Amino acid sequence: MNIEIVKGKPYRQFFAWWGKEVLNTNYYFKCNGDLHFIHTLRHDTGRVLDDKRKRRELADYLRQLRKNSFRYLCHHSIRNDIYEFIDFIKKNHFTIAQMWKDVIAYYDDLGMYEFHGNLVEYSAAFQYQIYDEAMVKEIQDLIKDIPVSKR
């Protein structure tokens, strides 16, 4: 599998958090000719510590992708490992709070699936980006018996 990290064209966008226009750079990986979104690096914030933190965050995502063989990425969860997270939900009999239309959604423009939501009883938001279609089917099978609460 030939993987190439692709850096998008930087663009500026205003963020109230920093009170200014911040530089944004989208990062992707290319596999078999397809582009898959990883993360948007926000930098030139005017705050050195924020810029360093954002760069470390991107570096952590890239390390995580390599560790997971570019199959998935945990953006936010109490467990980085998606399988450990699903086991945690099942063992504790938690309910997934569906935040959007589907718990697993496909984003064609980003070349990825997203497994996202919150846990009703624990208030633990989660977001995993999944790039491997076989893995999506596997995750769907693993979560099919977990109750889902729609908003």
N, C-alpha and C. Protein backbone atom coordinates (compact mmCIF):
# COMPACT_ATOMS: atom_id res chain seq x y z
N MET A 1 0.85 -1.17 0.00
CA MET A 1 0.00 0.00 0.00
C MET A 1 0.90 1.24 0.00
N ASN A 2 0.77 2.04 -1.03
CA ASN A 2 1.56 3.26 -1.16
C ASN A 2 0.76 4.45 -0.63
N ILE A 3 1.23 5.04 0.47
CA ILE A 3 0.54 6.16 1.11
C ILE A 3 1.38 7.42 0.95
N GLU A 4 0.71 8.50 0.61
CA GLU A 4 1.38 9.81 0.48
C GLU A 4 0.58 10.84 1.28
N ILE A 5 1.25 11.59 2.15
CA ILE A 5 0.60 12.68 2.89
C ILE A 5 0.54 13.89 1.96
N VAL A 6 -0.65 14.50 1.86
CA VAL A 6 -0.86 15.63 0.97
C VAL A 6 -1.30 16.84 1.80
N LYS A 7 -0.61 17.94 1.58
CA LYS A 7 -0.90 19.20 2.27
C LYS A 7 -1.69 20.08 1.31
N GLY A 8 -2.89 20.49 1.73
CA GLY A 8 -3.72 21.35 0.90
C GLY A 8 -3.21 22.78 0.85
N LYS A 9 -3.83 23.58 0.00
CA LYS A 9 -3.46 24.99 -0.14
C LYS A 9 -3.96 25.76 1.09
N PRO A 10 -3.07 26.48 1.78
CA PRO A 10 -3.48 27.24 2.97
C PRO A 10 -4.49 28.34 2.61
N TYR A 11 -5.40 28.59 3.54
CA TYR A 11 -6.39 29.66 3.38
C TYR A 11 -6.65 30.29 4.74
N ARG A 12 -7.11 31.51 4.72
CA ARG A 12 -7.37 32.23 5.97
C ARG A 12 -8.86 32.22 6.27
N GLN A 13 -9.17 32.14 7.58
CA GLN A 13 -10.55 32.14 8.04
C GLN A 13 -10.60 32.81 9.40
N PHE A 14 -11.61 33.63 9.63
CA PHE A 14 -11.74 34.32 10.91
C PHE A 14 -12.26 33.36 11.97
N PHE A 15 -11.64 33.39 13.17
CA PHE A 15 -12.10 32.64 14.33
C PHE A 15 -12.22 33.59 15.51
N ALA A 16 -13.40 33.66 16.09
CA ALA A 16 -13.64 34.53 17.24
C ALA A 16 -12.74 34.14 18.41
N TRP A 17 -12.44 32.83 18.54
CA TRP A 17 -11.59 32.35 19.63
C TRP A 17 -10.27 33.12 19.67
N TRP A 18 -9.68 33.34 18.50
CA TRP A 18 -8.40 34.05 18.43
C TRP A 18 -8.59 35.52 18.08
N GLY A 19 -9.80 35.89 17.69
CA GLY A 19 -10.09 37.29 17.36
C GLY A 19 -9.38 37.77 16.11
N LYS A 20 -9.11 36.85 15.19
CA LYS A 20 -8.40 37.22 13.96
C LYS A 20 -8.57 36.14 12.90
N GLU A 21 -8.09 36.44 11.71
CA GLU A 21 -8.04 35.44 10.66
C GLU A 21 -6.85 34.52 10.93
N VAL A 22 -7.12 33.24 10.89
CA VAL A 22 -6.12 32.22 11.18
C VAL A 22 -5.84 31.45 9.90
N LEU A 23 -4.61 31.01 9.75
CA LEU A 23 -4.24 30.21 8.58
C LEU A 23 -4.69 28.76 8.79
N ASN A 24 -5.37 28.20 7.80
CA ASN A 24 -5.85 26.82 7.84
C ASN A 24 -5.19 26.04 6.71
N THR A 25 -4.72 24.85 7.03
CA THR A 25 -4.15 23.96 6.02
C THR A 25 -4.76 22.58 6.20
N ASN A 26 -5.47 22.12 5.18
CA ASN A 26 -6.06 20.78 5.23
C ASN A 26 -5.00 19.74 4.89
N TYR A 27 -5.00 18.66 5.65
CA TYR A 27 -4.10 17.55 5.41
C TYR A 27 -4.92 16.32 5.01
N TYR A 28 -4.40 15.60 4.03
CA TYR A 28 -5.03 14.40 3.50
C TYR A 28 -3.97 13.31 3.38
N PHE A 29 -4.43 12.09 3.14
CA PHE A 29 -3.49 11.08 2.66
C PHE A 29 -4.07 10.50 1.38
N LYS A 30 -3.17 10.15 0.50
CA LYS A 30 -3.55 9.60 -0.80
C LYS A 30 -3.22 8.11 -0.79
N CYS A 31 -4.21 7.30 -1.15
CA CYS A 31 -4.03 5.85 -1.21
C CYS A 31 -4.78 5.34 -2.43
N ASN A 32 -4.09 4.62 -3.29
CA ASN A 32 -4.69 4.08 -4.51
C ASN A 32 -5.38 5.17 -5.34
N GLY A 33 -4.80 6.36 -5.35
CA GLY A 33 -5.32 7.46 -6.15
C GLY A 33 -6.44 8.24 -5.49
N ASP A 34 -6.94 7.79 -4.33
CA ASP A 34 -8.03 8.47 -3.64
C ASP A 34 -7.50 9.33 -2.50
N LEU A 35 -8.08 10.51 -2.36
CA LEU A 35 -7.70 11.43 -1.28
C LEU A 35 -8.63 11.24 -0.08
N HIS A 36 -8.04 11.15 1.11
CA HIS A 36 -8.80 10.97 2.35
C HIS A 36 -8.41 12.07 3.33
N PHE A 37 -9.40 12.80 3.83
CA PHE A 37 -9.17 13.90 4.75
C PHE A 37 -8.66 13.40 6.10
N ILE A 38 -7.66 14.11 6.64
CA ILE A 38 -7.14 13.78 7.97
C ILE A 38 -7.58 14.85 8.98
N HIS A 39 -7.15 16.09 8.72
CA HIS A 39 -7.36 17.14 9.72
C HIS A 39 -7.03 18.50 9.11
N THR A 40 -7.61 19.55 9.68
CA THR A 40 -7.26 20.91 9.30
C THR A 40 -6.34 21.49 10.38
N LEU A 41 -5.13 21.81 9.98
CA LEU A 41 -4.19 22.46 10.91
C LEU A 41 -4.49 23.95 10.93
N ARG A 42 -4.77 24.47 12.10
CA ARG A 42 -4.98 25.91 12.28
C ARG A 42 -3.70 26.48 12.88
N HIS A 43 -3.13 27.46 12.21
CA HIS A 43 -1.87 28.03 12.69
C HIS A 43 -1.83 29.52 12.37
N ASP A 44 -0.75 30.16 12.76
CA ASP A 44 -0.64 31.61 12.67
C ASP A 44 -1.78 32.26 13.47
N THR A 45 -1.98 31.71 14.68
CA THR A 45 -3.07 32.17 15.53
C THR A 45 -2.72 33.43 16.31
N GLY A 46 -1.45 33.74 16.34
CA GLY A 46 -1.01 34.86 17.17
C GLY A 46 -0.64 34.42 18.57
N ARG A 47 -0.82 33.15 18.85
CA ARG A 47 -0.50 32.59 20.17
C ARG A 47 0.45 31.40 19.96
N VAL A 48 1.68 31.57 20.36
CA VAL A 48 2.72 30.57 20.14
C VAL A 48 2.33 29.21 20.71
N LEU A 49 1.79 29.21 21.93
CA LEU A 49 1.43 27.93 22.57
C LEU A 49 0.31 27.22 21.81
N ASP A 50 -0.67 27.98 21.31
CA ASP A 50 -1.74 27.36 20.52
C ASP A 50 -1.20 26.77 19.23
N ASP A 51 -0.31 27.50 18.57
CA ASP A 51 0.28 26.99 17.32
C ASP A 51 1.05 25.70 17.58
N LYS A 52 1.84 25.66 18.65
CA LYS A 52 2.60 24.44 18.98
C LYS A 52 1.66 23.28 19.31
N ARG A 53 0.62 23.57 20.08
CA ARG A 53 -0.35 22.53 20.46
C ARG A 53 -1.04 21.95 19.22
N LYS A 54 -1.42 22.81 18.30
CA LYS A 54 -2.09 22.37 17.07
C LYS A 54 -1.16 21.53 16.20
N ARG A 55 0.12 21.89 16.15
CA ARG A 55 1.08 21.10 15.37
C ARG A 55 1.31 19.73 16.02
N ARG A 56 1.39 19.71 17.37
CA ARG A 56 1.54 18.43 18.09
C ARG A 56 0.32 17.54 17.84
N GLU A 57 -0.86 18.15 17.85
CA GLU A 57 -2.09 17.41 17.61
C GLU A 57 -2.06 16.75 16.22
N LEU A 58 -1.66 17.49 15.20
CA LEU A 58 -1.56 16.93 13.85
C LEU A 58 -0.52 15.81 13.82
N ALA A 59 0.62 16.02 14.45
CA ALA A 59 1.66 14.98 14.49
C ALA A 59 1.13 13.72 15.18
N ASP A 60 0.36 13.89 16.25
CA ASP A 60 -0.24 12.74 16.93
C ASP A 60 -1.21 11.99 16.02
N TYR A 61 -2.00 12.73 15.25
CA TYR A 61 -2.93 12.09 14.31
C TYR A 61 -2.17 11.29 13.26
N LEU A 62 -1.09 11.84 12.75
CA LEU A 62 -0.30 11.13 11.74
C LEU A 62 0.32 9.86 12.32
N ARG A 63 0.83 9.94 13.56
CA ARG A 63 1.38 8.75 14.22
C ARG A 63 0.28 7.69 14.41
N GLN A 64 -0.88 8.15 14.84
CA GLN A 64 -2.00 7.25 15.07
C GLN A 64 -2.43 6.56 13.76
N LEU A 65 -2.47 7.32 12.67
CA LEU A 65 -2.83 6.74 11.38
C LEU A 65 -1.84 5.65 10.97
N ARG A 66 -0.56 5.94 11.16
CA ARG A 66 0.46 4.93 10.82
C ARG A 66 0.29 3.68 11.68
N LYS A 67 0.04 3.89 12.96
CA LYS A 67 -0.15 2.76 13.88
C LYS A 67 -1.37 1.92 13.47
N ASN A 68 -2.41 2.59 12.98
CA ASN A 68 -3.65 1.91 12.58
C ASN A 68 -3.65 1.51 11.11
N SER A 69 -2.48 1.54 10.48
CA SER A 69 -2.32 1.17 9.06
C SER A 69 -3.26 1.97 8.15
N PHE A 70 -3.49 3.22 8.51
CA PHE A 70 -4.33 4.15 7.74
C PHE A 70 -5.75 3.64 7.56
N ARG A 71 -6.22 2.81 8.49
CA ARG A 71 -7.60 2.29 8.43
C ARG A 71 -8.57 3.23 9.13
N TYR A 72 -8.13 3.84 10.26
CA TYR A 72 -9.01 4.76 10.98
C TYR A 72 -8.19 5.71 11.83
N LEU A 73 -8.88 6.76 12.29
CA LEU A 73 -8.26 7.78 13.12
C LEU A 73 -9.24 8.19 14.21
N CYS A 74 -8.79 8.25 15.44
CA CYS A 74 -9.62 8.73 16.54
C CYS A 74 -9.37 10.22 16.71
N HIS A 75 -10.39 11.01 16.46
CA HIS A 75 -10.27 12.45 16.68
C HIS A 75 -10.63 12.81 18.12
N HIS A 76 -11.58 12.08 18.67
CA HIS A 76 -12.01 12.41 20.03
C HIS A 76 -12.72 11.20 20.63
N SER A 77 -12.23 10.73 21.76
CA SER A 77 -12.87 9.63 22.48
C SER A 77 -12.12 9.38 23.78
N ILE A 78 -12.76 8.65 24.67
CA ILE A 78 -12.06 8.28 25.91
C ILE A 78 -11.10 7.13 25.65
N ARG A 79 -11.20 6.49 24.47
CA ARG A 79 -10.29 5.43 24.06
C ARG A 79 -9.89 5.69 22.60
N ASN A 80 -8.60 5.70 22.32
CA ASN A 80 -8.15 5.88 20.93
C ASN A 80 -8.45 4.65 20.09
N ASP A 81 -8.38 3.47 20.70
CA ASP A 81 -8.64 2.23 19.98
C ASP A 81 -10.15 2.03 19.84
N ILE A 82 -10.63 2.00 18.62
CA ILE A 82 -12.07 1.91 18.35
C ILE A 82 -12.68 0.62 18.90
N TYR A 83 -11.93 -0.47 18.85
CA TYR A 83 -12.43 -1.75 19.35
C TYR A 83 -12.54 -1.75 20.87
N GLU A 84 -11.55 -1.16 21.54
CA GLU A 84 -11.62 -1.02 23.01
C GLU A 84 -12.80 -0.15 23.40
N PHE A 85 -13.05 0.89 22.62
CA PHE A 85 -14.17 1.79 22.91
C PHE A 85 -15.50 1.06 22.78
N ILE A 86 -15.67 0.29 21.74
CA ILE A 86 -16.91 -0.47 21.56
C ILE A 86 -17.08 -1.50 22.67
N ASP A 87 -16.00 -2.16 23.07
CA ASP A 87 -16.05 -3.09 24.21
C ASP A 87 -16.48 -2.37 25.48
N PHE A 88 -15.93 -1.17 25.70
CA PHE A 88 -16.28 -0.35 26.86
C PHE A 88 -17.78 -0.05 26.87
N ILE A 89 -18.34 0.31 25.73
CA ILE A 89 -19.77 0.60 25.62
C ILE A 89 -20.58 -0.64 25.97
N LYS A 90 -20.20 -1.77 25.38
CA LYS A 90 -20.96 -3.02 25.59
C LYS A 90 -20.88 -3.50 27.03
N LYS A 91 -19.69 -3.49 27.61
CA LYS A 91 -19.51 -3.98 28.98
C LYS A 91 -20.30 -3.15 30.00
N ASN A 92 -20.46 -1.88 29.70
CA ASN A 92 -21.17 -0.99 30.63
C ASN A 92 -22.64 -0.77 30.25
N HIS A 93 -23.09 -1.44 29.20
CA HIS A 93 -24.48 -1.35 28.74
C HIS A 93 -24.90 0.09 28.48
N PHE A 94 -24.01 0.84 27.84
CA PHE A 94 -24.29 2.24 27.53
C PHE A 94 -25.11 2.36 26.25
N THR A 95 -25.71 3.52 26.09
CA THR A 95 -26.50 3.85 24.90
C THR A 95 -25.76 4.93 24.13
N ILE A 96 -25.74 4.80 22.80
CA ILE A 96 -25.13 5.83 21.97
C ILE A 96 -26.18 6.90 21.68
N ALA A 97 -25.84 8.14 21.95
CA ALA A 97 -26.70 9.27 21.59
C ALA A 97 -26.31 9.70 20.18
N GLN A 98 -27.23 9.54 19.27
CA GLN A 98 -26.97 9.89 17.88
C GLN A 98 -27.01 11.41 17.74
N MET A 99 -25.91 11.98 17.28
CA MET A 99 -25.80 13.44 17.20
C MET A 99 -26.28 14.00 15.86
N TRP A 100 -26.08 13.23 14.80
CA TRP A 100 -26.47 13.66 13.46
C TRP A 100 -27.40 12.63 12.87
N LYS A 101 -27.53 12.62 11.56
CA LYS A 101 -28.48 11.72 10.90
C LYS A 101 -28.20 10.25 11.19
N ASP A 102 -26.93 9.85 11.11
CA ASP A 102 -26.54 8.46 11.32
C ASP A 102 -25.36 8.38 12.26
N VAL A 103 -25.23 7.26 12.97
CA VAL A 103 -24.08 7.03 13.85
C VAL A 103 -22.82 6.83 13.01
N ILE A 104 -22.98 6.18 11.85
CA ILE A 104 -21.88 6.05 10.89
C ILE A 104 -22.34 6.70 9.59
N ALA A 105 -21.62 7.73 9.19
CA ALA A 105 -21.98 8.48 7.98
C ALA A 105 -20.80 8.50 7.02
N TYR A 106 -21.13 8.53 5.73
CA TYR A 106 -20.09 8.61 4.70
C TYR A 106 -20.03 10.03 4.15
N TYR A 107 -18.82 10.54 4.02
CA TYR A 107 -18.59 11.87 3.45
C TYR A 107 -17.75 11.71 2.19
N ASP A 108 -18.43 11.70 1.04
CA ASP A 108 -17.79 11.47 -0.24
C ASP A 108 -16.70 12.51 -0.52
N ASP A 109 -16.99 13.78 -0.21
CA ASP A 109 -16.02 14.85 -0.49
C ASP A 109 -14.77 14.75 0.37
N LEU A 110 -14.84 14.00 1.48
CA LEU A 110 -13.69 13.83 2.37
C LEU A 110 -13.06 12.45 2.25
N GLY A 111 -13.71 11.55 1.51
CA GLY A 111 -13.17 10.21 1.32
C GLY A 111 -13.10 9.40 2.60
N MET A 112 -14.15 9.51 3.44
CA MET A 112 -14.10 8.82 4.73
C MET A 112 -15.50 8.58 5.28
N TYR A 113 -15.56 7.64 6.20
CA TYR A 113 -16.75 7.43 7.02
C TYR A 113 -16.45 8.04 8.38
N GLU A 114 -17.51 8.39 9.08
CA GLU A 114 -17.31 8.90 10.44
C GLU A 114 -18.26 8.17 11.38
N PHE A 115 -17.69 7.62 12.44
CA PHE A 115 -18.44 6.98 13.52
C PHE A 115 -18.41 7.98 14.66
N HIS A 116 -19.57 8.54 15.00
CA HIS A 116 -19.58 9.65 15.96
C HIS A 116 -20.86 9.64 16.79
N GLY A 117 -20.78 10.31 17.91
CA GLY A 117 -21.93 10.43 18.80
C GLY A 117 -21.49 10.76 20.20
N ASN A 118 -22.31 10.36 21.15
CA ASN A 118 -22.03 10.58 22.56
C ASN A 118 -22.59 9.37 23.31
N LEU A 119 -22.18 9.19 24.54
CA LEU A 119 -22.75 8.13 25.36
C LEU A 119 -23.74 8.77 26.33
N VAL A 120 -24.96 8.29 26.31
CA VAL A 120 -26.04 8.88 27.09
C VAL A 120 -25.72 8.87 28.59
N GLU A 121 -25.34 7.71 29.10
CA GLU A 121 -25.15 7.55 30.54
C GLU A 121 -23.84 8.11 31.07
N TYR A 122 -22.92 8.41 30.19
CA TYR A 122 -21.56 8.76 30.60
C TYR A 122 -21.12 10.12 30.08
N SER A 123 -21.85 10.67 29.14
CA SER A 123 -21.50 11.92 28.47
C SER A 123 -20.05 11.90 27.99
N ALA A 124 -19.80 11.00 27.04
CA ALA A 124 -18.47 10.86 26.46
C ALA A 124 -18.59 10.94 24.94
N ALA A 125 -18.43 12.14 24.41
CA ALA A 125 -18.50 12.34 22.96
C ALA A 125 -17.36 11.59 22.29
N PHE A 126 -17.62 11.11 21.07
CA PHE A 126 -16.58 10.40 20.33
C PHE A 126 -16.69 10.70 18.85
N GLN A 127 -15.55 10.62 18.17
CA GLN A 127 -15.48 10.83 16.74
C GLN A 127 -14.30 10.05 16.18
N TYR A 128 -14.62 9.08 15.33
CA TYR A 128 -13.61 8.28 14.64
C TYR A 128 -13.81 8.45 13.14
N GLN A 129 -12.75 8.68 12.41
CA GLN A 129 -12.79 8.70 10.96
C GLN A 129 -12.32 7.33 10.49
N ILE A 130 -13.12 6.70 9.63
CA ILE A 130 -12.79 5.36 9.14
C ILE A 130 -12.60 5.44 7.63
N TYR A 131 -11.47 4.90 7.17
CA TYR A 131 -11.12 4.99 5.75
C TYR A 131 -11.23 3.65 5.03
N ASP A 132 -11.43 2.58 5.75
CA ASP A 132 -11.45 1.23 5.21
C ASP A 132 -12.89 0.71 5.20
N GLU A 133 -13.43 0.43 4.02
CA GLU A 133 -14.83 0.01 3.91
C GLU A 133 -15.11 -1.31 4.61
N ALA A 134 -14.17 -2.24 4.57
CA ALA A 134 -14.36 -3.52 5.26
C ALA A 134 -14.46 -3.28 6.77
N MET A 135 -13.69 -2.34 7.27
CA MET A 135 -13.74 -2.02 8.70
C MET A 135 -15.09 -1.39 9.06
N VAL A 136 -15.65 -0.58 8.17
CA VAL A 136 -16.96 0.03 8.42
C VAL A 136 -18.00 -1.07 8.63
N LYS A 137 -17.99 -2.07 7.77
CA LYS A 137 -18.93 -3.20 7.90
C LYS A 137 -18.72 -3.93 9.23
N GLU A 138 -17.45 -4.10 9.59
CA GLU A 138 -17.12 -4.76 10.86
C GLU A 138 -17.64 -3.95 12.05
N ILE A 139 -17.45 -2.66 12.02
CA ILE A 139 -17.92 -1.78 13.11
C ILE A 139 -19.44 -1.79 13.16
N GLN A 140 -20.10 -1.75 12.00
CA GLN A 140 -21.56 -1.81 11.96
C GLN A 140 -22.06 -3.09 12.62
N ASP A 141 -21.39 -4.22 12.36
CA ASP A 141 -21.77 -5.49 12.99
C ASP A 141 -21.53 -5.45 14.50
N LEU A 142 -20.44 -4.84 14.91
CA LEU A 142 -20.12 -4.78 16.35
C LEU A 142 -21.09 -3.91 17.13
N ILE A 143 -21.62 -2.87 16.50
CA ILE A 143 -22.48 -1.93 17.24
C ILE A 143 -23.97 -2.18 17.02
N LYS A 144 -24.32 -3.17 16.21
CA LYS A 144 -25.74 -3.36 15.86
C LYS A 144 -26.63 -3.65 17.07
N ASP A 145 -26.09 -4.21 18.14
CA ASP A 145 -26.88 -4.53 19.33
C ASP A 145 -26.80 -3.45 20.40
N ILE A 146 -26.05 -2.39 20.13
CA ILE A 146 -25.94 -1.29 21.10
C ILE A 146 -27.13 -0.36 20.90
N PRO A 147 -27.88 -0.04 21.97
CA PRO A 147 -29.01 0.87 21.80
C PRO A 147 -28.56 2.26 21.35
N VAL A 148 -29.38 2.87 20.49
CA VAL A 148 -29.09 4.21 19.97
C VAL A 148 -30.27 5.10 20.32
N SER A 149 -29.95 6.23 20.93
CA SER A 149 -30.96 7.23 21.27
C SER A 149 -30.87 8.35 20.25
N LYS A 150 -31.96 8.57 19.52
CA LYS A 150 -31.98 9.64 18.53
C LYS A 150 -32.41 10.94 19.20
N ARG A 151 -31.81 12.05 18.76
CA ARG A 151 -32.16 13.32 19.38
C ARG A 151 -33.54 13.78 19.01
